[in-house]
Structure formats: C-alpha cells, structure tokens
PDB file of N, CA and C in Angstrom:
ATOM      1  N   UNK A   1     197.184  87.766  66.121  1.00  0.00           N
ATOM      2  CA  UNK A   1     196.314  86.599  66.192  1.00  0.00           C
ATOM      3  C   UNK A   1     194.955  87.056  66.717  1.00  0.00           C
ATOM      4  N   UNK A   2     193.908  86.592  66.072  1.00  0.00           N
ATOM      5  CA  UNK A   2     192.552  87.009  66.431  1.00  0.00           C
ATOM      6  C   UNK A   2     192.154  86.450  67.804  1.00  0.00           C
ATOM      7  N   UNK A   3     191.462  87.282  68.556  1.00  0.00           N
ATOM      8  CA  UNK A   3     190.992  86.944  69.892  1.00  0.00           C
ATOM      9  C   UNK A   3     190.175  85.638  69.887  1.00  0.00           C
ATOM     10  N   UNK A   4     189.247  85.512  68.925  1.00  0.00           N
ATOM     11  CA  UNK A   4     188.398  84.312  68.853  1.00  0.00           C
ATOM     12  C   UNK A   4     189.215  83.074  68.532  1.00  0.00           C
ATOM     13  N   UNK A   5     190.226  83.230  67.667  1.00  0.00           N
ATOM     14  CA  UNK A   5     191.087  82.109  67.313  1.00  0.00           C
ATOM     15  C   UNK A   5     191.855  81.615  68.534  1.00  0.00           C
ATOM     16  N   UNK A   6     192.363  82.553  69.320  1.00  0.00           N
ATOM     17  CA  UNK A   6     193.089  82.200  70.541  1.00  0.00           C
ATOM     18  C   UNK A   6     192.162  81.455  71.494  1.00  0.00           C
ATOM     19  N   UNK A   7     190.939  81.956  71.678  1.00  0.00           N
ATOM     20  CA  UNK A   7     190.009  81.302  72.599  1.00  0.00           C
ATOM     21  C   UNK A   7     189.633  79.906  72.105  1.00  0.00           C
ATOM     22  N   UNK A   8     189.440  79.751  70.801  1.00  0.00           N
ATOM     23  CA  UNK A   8     189.108  78.430  70.245  1.00  0.00           C
ATOM     24  C   UNK A   8     190.236  77.440  70.473  1.00  0.00           C
ATOM     25  N   UNK A   9     191.463  77.876  70.261  1.00  0.00           N
ATOM     26  CA  UNK A   9     192.613  76.994  70.470  1.00  0.00           C
ATOM     27  C   UNK A   9     192.810  76.684  71.945  1.00  0.00           C
ATOM     28  N   UNK A  10     192.563  77.665  72.808  1.00  0.00           N
ATOM     29  CA  UNK A  10     192.608  77.454  74.257  1.00  0.00           C
ATOM     30  C   UNK A  10     191.552  76.423  74.655  1.00  0.00           C
ATOM     31  N   UNK A  11     190.357  76.557  74.108  1.00  0.00           N
ATOM     32  CA  UNK A  11     189.270  75.622  74.408  1.00  0.00           C
ATOM     33  C   UNK A  11     189.664  74.199  74.010  1.00  0.00           C
ATOM     34  N   UNK A  12     190.272  74.049  72.848  1.00  0.00           N
ATOM     35  CA  UNK A  12     190.701  72.722  72.392  1.00  0.00           C
ATOM     36  C   UNK A  12     191.707  72.120  73.370  1.00  0.00           C
ATOM     37  N   UNK A  13     192.661  72.911  73.825  1.00  0.00           N
ATOM     38  CA  UNK A  13     193.640  72.434  74.805  1.00  0.00           C
ATOM     39  C   UNK A  13     192.953  72.026  76.103  1.00  0.00           C
ATOM     40  N   UNK A  14     192.026  72.853  76.569  1.00  0.00           N
ATOM     41  CA  UNK A  14     191.324  72.566  77.823  1.00  0.00           C
ATOM     42  C   UNK A  14     190.503  71.289  77.712  1.00  0.00           C
ATOM     43  N   UNK A  15     189.828  71.102  76.595  1.00  0.00           N
ATOM     44  CA  UNK A  15     189.025  69.889  76.393  1.00  0.00           C
ATOM     45  C   UNK A  15     189.927  68.657  76.422  1.00  0.00           C
ATOM     46  N   UNK A  16     191.063  68.743  75.748  1.00  0.00           N
ATOM     47  CA  UNK A  16     191.988  67.601  75.692  1.00  0.00           C
ATOM     48  C   UNK A  16     192.597  67.276  77.046  1.00  0.00           C
ATOM     49  N   UNK A  17     193.066  68.300  77.753  1.00  0.00           N
ATOM     50  CA  UNK A  17     193.779  68.066  79.012  1.00  0.00           C
ATOM     51  C   UNK A  17     192.826  67.821  80.178  1.00  0.00           C
ATOM     52  N   UNK A  18     191.772  68.623  80.263  1.00  0.00           N
ATOM     53  CA  UNK A  18     190.863  68.532  81.407  1.00  0.00           C
ATOM     54  C   UNK A  18     189.746  67.511  81.218  1.00  0.00           C
ATOM     55  N   UNK A  19     189.615  67.011  79.978  1.00  0.00           N
ATOM     56  CA  UNK A  19     188.569  66.032  79.674  1.00  0.00           C
ATOM     57  C   UNK A  19     187.179  66.575  80.019  1.00  0.00           C
ATOM     58  N   UNK A  20     186.919  67.802  79.547  1.00  0.00           N
ATOM     59  CA  UNK A  20     185.615  68.432  79.750  1.00  0.00           C
ATOM     60  C   UNK A  20     184.997  68.716  78.388  1.00  0.00           C
ATOM     61  N   UNK A  21     183.712  69.029  78.389  1.00  0.00           N
ATOM     62  CA  UNK A  21     183.035  69.390  77.147  1.00  0.00           C
ATOM     63  C   UNK A  21     183.379  70.834  76.786  1.00  0.00           C
ATOM     64  N   UNK A  22     183.453  71.094  75.494  1.00  0.00           N
ATOM     65  CA  UNK A  22     183.804  72.434  75.017  1.00  0.00           C
ATOM     66  C   UNK A  22     182.842  73.491  75.561  1.00  0.00           C
ATOM     67  N   UNK A  23     181.579  73.132  75.723  1.00  0.00           N
ATOM     68  CA  UNK A  23     180.588  74.084  76.225  1.00  0.00           C
ATOM     69  C   UNK A  23     180.901  74.527  77.658  1.00  0.00           C
ATOM     70  N   UNK A  24     181.656  73.724  78.384  1.00  0.00           N
ATOM     71  CA  UNK A  24     182.013  74.051  79.765  1.00  0.00           C
ATOM     72  C   UNK A  24     183.117  75.089  79.845  1.00  0.00           C
ATOM     73  N   UNK A  25     183.859  75.242  78.764  1.00  0.00           N
ATOM     74  CA  UNK A  25     185.003  76.150  78.754  1.00  0.00           C
ATOM     75  C   UNK A  25     184.512  77.549  78.377  1.00  0.00           C
ATOM     76  N   UNK A  26     184.072  78.270  79.384  1.00  0.00           N
ATOM     77  CA  UNK A  26     183.569  79.631  79.213  1.00  0.00           C
ATOM     78  C   UNK A  26     184.543  80.588  79.901  1.00  0.00           C
ATOM     79  N   UNK A  27     184.537  81.856  79.518  1.00  0.00           N
ATOM     80  CA  UNK A  27     185.485  82.793  80.127  1.00  0.00           C
ATOM     81  C   UNK A  27     185.432  82.838  81.654  1.00  0.00           C
ATOM     82  N   UNK A  28     184.253  82.728  82.238  1.00  0.00           N
ATOM     83  CA  UNK A  28     184.141  82.841  83.691  1.00  0.00           C
ATOM     84  C   UNK A  28     184.268  81.504  84.426  1.00  0.00           C
ATOM     85  N   UNK A  29     184.527  80.422  83.701  1.00  0.00           N
ATOM     86  CA  UNK A  29     184.673  79.108  84.341  1.00  0.00           C
ATOM     87  C   UNK A  29     185.951  79.075  85.179  1.00  0.00           C
ATOM     88  N   UNK A  30     185.813  78.683  86.433  1.00  0.00           N
ATOM     89  CA  UNK A  30     186.962  78.527  87.316  1.00  0.00           C
ATOM     90  C   UNK A  30     187.619  77.191  86.995  1.00  0.00           C
ATOM     91  N   UNK A  31     188.928  77.213  86.793  1.00  0.00           N
ATOM     92  CA  UNK A  31     189.629  76.003  86.358  1.00  0.00           C
ATOM     93  C   UNK A  31     189.557  74.870  87.379  1.00  0.00           C
ATOM     94  N   UNK A  32     189.585  75.184  88.664  1.00  0.00           N
ATOM     95  CA  UNK A  32     189.526  74.125  89.667  1.00  0.00           C
ATOM     96  C   UNK A  32     188.096  73.789  90.060  1.00  0.00           C
ATOM     97  N   UNK A  33     187.305  74.806  90.378  1.00  0.00           N
ATOM     98  CA  UNK A  33     185.954  74.560  90.874  1.00  0.00           C
ATOM     99  C   UNK A  33     184.991  74.084  89.789  1.00  0.00           C
ATOM    100  N   UNK A  34     185.065  74.701  88.604  1.00  0.00           N
ATOM    101  CA  UNK A  34     184.105  74.367  87.548  1.00  0.00           C
ATOM    102  C   UNK A  34     184.609  73.289  86.592  1.00  0.00           C
ATOM    103  N   UNK A  35     185.928  73.260  86.366  1.00  0.00           N
ATOM    104  CA  UNK A  35     186.463  72.335  85.367  1.00  0.00           C
ATOM    105  C   UNK A  35     187.282  71.198  85.968  1.00  0.00           C
ATOM    106  N   UNK A  36     187.381  71.165  87.289  1.00  0.00           N
ATOM    107  CA  UNK A  36     187.986  70.027  87.975  1.00  0.00           C
ATOM    108  C   UNK A  36     189.497  69.912  87.862  1.00  0.00           C
ATOM    109  N   UNK A  37     190.187  71.008  87.620  1.00  0.00           N
ATOM    110  CA  UNK A  37     191.640  70.972  87.490  1.00  0.00           C
ATOM    111  C   UNK A  37     192.297  70.966  88.862  1.00  0.00           C
ATOM    112  N   UNK A  38     193.338  70.161  88.989  1.00  0.00           N
ATOM    113  CA  UNK A  38     194.198  70.227  90.165  1.00  0.00           C
ATOM    114  C   UNK A  38     195.422  71.047  89.772  1.00  0.00           C
ATOM    115  N   UNK A  39     196.296  71.321  90.720  1.00  0.00           N
ATOM    116  CA  UNK A  39     197.492  72.099  90.385  1.00  0.00           C
ATOM    117  C   UNK A  39     198.364  71.342  89.384  1.00  0.00           C
ATOM    118  N   UNK A  40     198.424  70.034  89.493  1.00  0.00           N
ATOM    119  CA  UNK A  40     199.206  69.231  88.556  1.00  0.00           C
ATOM    120  C   UNK A  40     198.597  69.277  87.152  1.00  0.00           C
ATOM    121  N   UNK A  41     197.296  69.171  87.084  1.00  0.00           N
ATOM    122  CA  UNK A  41     196.623  69.211  85.782  1.00  0.00           C
ATOM    123  C   UNK A  41     196.743  70.613  85.170  1.00  0.00           C
ATOM    124  N   UNK A  42     196.729  71.641  86.007  1.00  0.00           N
ATOM    125  CA  UNK A  42     196.912  72.995  85.499  1.00  0.00           C
ATOM    126  C   UNK A  42     198.286  73.135  84.838  1.00  0.00           C
ATOM    127  N   UNK A  43     199.300  72.525  85.435  1.00  0.00           N
ATOM    128  CA  UNK A  43     200.637  72.546  84.833  1.00  0.00           C
ATOM    129  C   UNK A  43     200.600  71.843  83.476  1.00  0.00           C
ATOM    130  N   UNK A  44     199.904  70.723  83.383  1.00  0.00           N
ATOM    131  CA  UNK A  44     199.764  70.019  82.106  1.00  0.00           C
ATOM    132  C   UNK A  44     199.055  70.893  81.079  1.00  0.00           C
ATOM    133  N   UNK A  45     198.024  71.610  81.509  1.00  0.00           N
ATOM    134  CA  UNK A  45     197.296  72.501  80.609  1.00  0.00           C
ATOM    135  C   UNK A  45     198.205  73.623  80.114  1.00  0.00           C
ATOM    136  N   UNK A  46     198.977  74.207  81.005  1.00  0.00           N
ATOM    137  CA  UNK A  46     199.900  75.274  80.615  1.00  0.00           C
ATOM    138  C   UNK A  46     200.935  74.733  79.621  1.00  0.00           C
ATOM    139  N   UNK A  47     201.428  73.524  79.858  1.00  0.00           N
ATOM    140  CA  UNK A  47     202.392  72.924  78.927  1.00  0.00           C
ATOM    141  C   UNK A  47     201.766  72.709  77.551  1.00  0.00           C
ATOM    142  N   UNK A  48     200.529  72.267  77.522  1.00  0.00           N
ATOM    143  CA  UNK A  48     199.825  72.075  76.247  1.00  0.00           C
ATOM    144  C   UNK A  48     199.636  73.411  75.535  1.00  0.00           C
ATOM    145  N   UNK A  49     199.336  74.445  76.289  1.00  0.00           N
ATOM    146  CA  UNK A  49     199.152  75.776  75.706  1.00  0.00           C
ATOM    147  C   UNK A  49     200.480  76.323  75.179  1.00  0.00           C
ATOM    148  N   UNK A  50     201.543  76.096  75.924  1.00  0.00           N
ATOM    149  CA  UNK A  50     202.861  76.534  75.451  1.00  0.00           C
ATOM    150  C   UNK A  50     203.196  75.877  74.115  1.00  0.00           C
ATOM    151  N   UNK A  51     202.905  74.602  74.015  1.00  0.00           N
ATOM    152  CA  UNK A  51     203.167  73.882  72.763  1.00  0.00           C
ATOM    153  C   UNK A  51     202.254  74.365  71.638  1.00  0.00           C
ATOM    154  N   UNK A  52     200.982  74.544  71.936  1.00  0.00           N
ATOM    155  CA  UNK A  52     200.000  74.979  70.929  1.00  0.00           C
ATOM    156  C   UNK A  52     200.329  76.348  70.354  1.00  0.00           C
ATOM    157  N   UNK A  53     200.740  77.266  71.223  1.00  0.00           N
ATOM    158  CA  UNK A  53     200.956  78.648  70.796  1.00  0.00           C
ATOM    159  C   UNK A  53     202.429  79.001  70.577  1.00  0.00           C
ATOM    160  N   UNK A  54     203.334  78.083  70.902  1.00  0.00           N
ATOM    161  CA  UNK A  54     204.755  78.370  70.741  1.00  0.00           C
ATOM    162  C   UNK A  54     205.230  79.480  71.658  1.00  0.00           C
ATOM    163  N   UNK A  55     204.729  79.464  72.903  1.00  0.00           N
ATOM    164  CA  UNK A  55     205.070  80.495  73.887  1.00  0.00           C
ATOM    165  C   UNK A  55     205.659  79.836  75.123  1.00  0.00           C
ATOM    166  N   UNK A  56     206.213  80.652  75.995  1.00  0.00           N
ATOM    167  CA  UNK A  56     206.712  80.186  77.275  1.00  0.00           C
ATOM    168  C   UNK A  56     206.002  80.973  78.368  1.00  0.00           C
ATOM    169  N   UNK A  57     205.296  80.266  79.222  1.00  0.00           N
ATOM    170  CA  UNK A  57     204.539  80.902  80.307  1.00  0.00           C
ATOM    171  C   UNK A  57     205.428  80.927  81.553  1.00  0.00           C
ATOM    172  N   UNK A  58     205.711  82.117  82.082  1.00  0.00           N
ATOM    173  CA  UNK A  58     206.526  82.201  83.303  1.00  0.00           C
ATOM    174  C   UNK A  58     205.836  81.483  84.465  1.00  0.00           C
ATOM    175  N   UNK A  59     206.635  80.788  85.276  1.00  0.00           N
ATOM    176  CA  UNK A  59     206.082  80.037  86.408  1.00  0.00           C
ATOM    177  C   UNK A  59     205.249  80.917  87.327  1.00  0.00           C
ATOM    178  N   UNK A  60     205.713  82.145  87.588  1.00  0.00           N
ATOM    179  CA  UNK A  60     204.981  83.017  88.506  1.00  0.00           C
ATOM    180  C   UNK A  60     203.626  83.434  87.942  1.00  0.00           C
ATOM    181  N   UNK A  61     203.472  83.417  86.618  1.00  0.00           N
ATOM    182  CA  UNK A  61     202.190  83.784  86.002  1.00  0.00           C
ATOM    183  C   UNK A  61     201.137  82.709  86.251  1.00  0.00           C
ATOM    184  N   UNK A  62     201.572  81.473  86.393  1.00  0.00           N
ATOM    185  CA  UNK A  62     200.633  80.359  86.600  1.00  0.00           C
ATOM    186  C   UNK A  62     199.877  80.527  87.916  1.00  0.00           C
ATOM    187  N   UNK A  63     200.517  81.120  88.905  1.00  0.00           N
ATOM    188  CA  UNK A  63     199.882  81.314  90.215  1.00  0.00           C
ATOM    189  C   UNK A  63     198.667  82.237  90.140  1.00  0.00           C
ATOM    190  N   UNK A  64     198.621  83.096  89.118  1.00  0.00           N
ATOM    191  CA  UNK A  64     197.528  84.060  88.988  1.00  0.00           C
ATOM    192  C   UNK A  64     196.406  83.572  88.069  1.00  0.00           C
ATOM    193  N   UNK A  65     196.504  82.342  87.616  1.00  0.00           N
ATOM    194  CA  UNK A  65     195.487  81.799  86.719  1.00  0.00           C
ATOM    195  C   UNK A  65     194.434  81.069  87.542  1.00  0.00           C
ATOM    196  N   UNK A  66     193.199  81.586  87.496  1.00  0.00           N
ATOM    197  CA  UNK A  66     192.097  80.957  88.222  1.00  0.00           C
ATOM    198  C   UNK A  66     190.934  80.615  87.295  1.00  0.00           C
ATOM    199  N   UNK A  67     190.737  81.442  86.290  1.00  0.00           N
ATOM    200  CA  UNK A  67     189.618  81.235  85.368  1.00  0.00           C
ATOM    201  C   UNK A  67     190.135  81.058  83.948  1.00  0.00           C
ATOM    202  N   UNK A  68     189.260  80.619  83.082  1.00  0.00           N
ATOM    203  CA  UNK A  68     189.600  80.490  81.666  1.00  0.00           C
ATOM    204  C   UNK A  68     189.982  81.859  81.114  1.00  0.00           C
ATOM    205  N   UNK A  69     189.279  82.912  81.532  1.00  0.00           N
ATOM    206  CA  UNK A  69     189.599  84.258  81.051  1.00  0.00           C
ATOM    207  C   UNK A  69     190.993  84.690  81.500  1.00  0.00           C
ATOM    208  N   UNK A  70     191.401  84.339  82.713  1.00  0.00           N
ATOM    209  CA  UNK A  70     192.768  84.649  83.160  1.00  0.00           C
ATOM    210  C   UNK A  70     193.783  84.035  82.207  1.00  0.00           C
ATOM    211  N   UNK A  71     193.545  82.798  81.850  1.00  0.00           N
ATOM    212  CA  UNK A  71     194.446  82.084  80.943  1.00  0.00           C
ATOM    213  C   UNK A  71     194.405  82.701  79.547  1.00  0.00           C
ATOM    214  N   UNK A  72     193.222  83.061  79.101  1.00  0.00           N
ATOM    215  CA  UNK A  72     193.050  83.685  77.788  1.00  0.00           C
ATOM    216  C   UNK A  72     193.826  85.005  77.712  1.00  0.00           C
ATOM    217  N   UNK A  73     193.679  85.837  78.715  1.00  0.00           N
ATOM    218  CA  UNK A  73     194.403  87.126  78.746  1.00  0.00           C
ATOM    219  C   UNK A  73     195.910  86.917  78.755  1.00  0.00           C
ATOM    220  N   UNK A  74     196.358  85.915  79.505  1.00  0.00           N
ATOM    221  CA  UNK A  74     197.789  85.627  79.572  1.00  0.00           C
ATOM    222  C   UNK A  74     198.312  85.224  78.183  1.00  0.00           C
ATOM    223  N   UNK A  75     197.590  84.339  77.520  1.00  0.00           N
ATOM    224  CA  UNK A  75     198.008  83.908  76.178  1.00  0.00           C
ATOM    225  C   UNK A  75     198.072  85.113  75.250  1.00  0.00           C
ATOM    226  N   UNK A  76     197.038  85.947  75.262  1.00  0.00           N
ATOM    227  CA  UNK A  76     197.009  87.126  74.389  1.00  0.00           C
ATOM    228  C   UNK A  76     198.207  88.024  74.650  1.00  0.00           C
ATOM    229  N   UNK A  77     198.586  88.181  75.906  1.00  0.00           N
ATOM    230  CA  UNK A  77     199.720  89.053  76.225  1.00  0.00           C
ATOM    231  C   UNK A  77     201.042  88.451  75.751  1.00  0.00           C
ATOM    232  N   UNK A  78     201.115  87.128  75.692  1.00  0.00           N
ATOM    233  CA  UNK A  78     202.358  86.472  75.299  1.00  0.00           C
ATOM    234  C   UNK A  78     202.499  86.271  73.794  1.00  0.00           C
ATOM    235  N   UNK A  79     201.389  86.253  73.074  1.00  0.00           N
ATOM    236  CA  UNK A  79     201.463  86.082  71.614  1.00  0.00           C
ATOM    237  C   UNK A  79     201.456  87.415  70.886  1.00  0.00           C
ATOM    238  N   UNK A  80     201.184  88.497  71.610  1.00  0.00           N
ATOM    239  CA  UNK A  80     201.109  89.822  70.976  1.00  0.00           C
ATOM    240  C   UNK A  80     202.471  90.295  70.505  1.00  0.00           C
TER     241      UNK A  80
END
C-alpha cells in the first residue's frame, strides 16, 4: 500500500473522528495538544483506523501514539 494512500486514509479517519479540518492533520500534529483528542477519542480513532485498514492495533501500541506521524508509522507497520 502506498505511503501517500495510507496517509490520505488516515487523514479521512482523523477528520471524521476528531472533527478537525484536513489541513490540520499534519505529520507533526500532536493528537491531544493540536487536534484536541482525549484518551477516549483516541480509542475511537484507533477503532476507525482498524476498520478502515482491516488491521488490529495492539493495546500497548496505543500508548506510544502521540502524533499523526506515530499513528501513520504504526499503520504502515501493520499493513506491510
């Protein structure tokens, strides 16, 4: 799966779940500080990503997700 395709699909999930503008979803955006995610909303985002990509994100991996790029790298590692 192409890197850009993964990021575009991740952006769509983030826009839907976090109710932010697509332009706000940048690799260095912090999910809580910049995009307003709480821990509960982060779980919702991970669930949306699991459904979008047909993957299962380990619970312990969620603890290491702080930025959009962290999430992007995780998705890439799970779809590879």
